[in-house]
Amino acid sequence: MTYYHDFMSPWSREVAVAVKAAMQAAELALRLQAGVVAETKKDKSPVTQADRECERLIERLVTEAFPADGFLGEEGALVQSSNGRRWIVDPIDGTRDYVRGDPLWANLIALEADGEVVAGVVNLPLLGRIYTAIRGGGAFCNEDPIRASSKQHIEESVLCFNRFDKLERMPAPDRLVEWMGRFWSLRGLGGAADAMMVAAGEADIWIEPSASTWDFAPLKVILEEAGARYFNFDGGSSIYAGNCIACAPGLEKEVRSFLAVP
């Protein structure tokens, strides 16, 4: 089974290397999972030995393949780029799930070139799903192309929402719960899993009020290549804004209207 795009496509070699790195990081994380102990970082998020070792593994593999590229990792890895390209990595996204033994954690790897994310890999190893996208080349889950849903009304849609502890950062927080009650269903599995459900047409809107660049980088390109809309609370479309909304294209107008997003 192949997990990446036609080898002749732009960025295909980069995606192939990223998939290999993500799969090896997942194997390492699983070997280290028994008896894992989490520490608490300054931002109150957990970190484990596995997070750090997986980041070192991913950094080694991608920098060996592309030595001129930069690297930015959640756990502190930072290499300056000499060619306008940079890898952005969350070695274990969902460390809380990883520590608890839940299957929703992921390995996230993205490539940014001249300020735009051009390739992304999301590995959900315990679900057996690897999502990939190349800018202009579509989005895939394992071998299969994926597309956002064709839903037009929120009453028939699934909403994914994270970080209820950060509701104060949301537009219209006082009306949010009532709005949620109109949806066909509500989910909250964690950023990567929720975003990939939207990309694959299994859910229709994902709202993330507080996360970091490495959380968003691969998700953005996969969502957009699957036909979903990706935007920030201020109306921009950045991985650096600290928040995002992703939705099926037929729901964009209503989402922007309700949340007063430009």
Foldseek 3Di string as FASTA:
>chain_A
DAQFDDPPDPCGVVVNLQVVLFVVLVVQLVVPLVPWDWDADPVRDTDTPSQVVSVVSSVVSNCVVPVQEWEAEPVDDTGDHPAQKYKYWRSWAPVVCSNVVHQAIWTKIFMGGNRATAKIWIGSPVVPWIWIFGQVGAIDTRPHGAAAAPDQDQLAFEEEEDDPVVLVLAQPSVCVVVVNVSHVYYHYRHQPVVLVCRLRHNGFKYWYRFDALSSPRRSLRSSVSNPKDKAALQGHHHSHPGIIMIGHPSCVVVVCVVRVHD
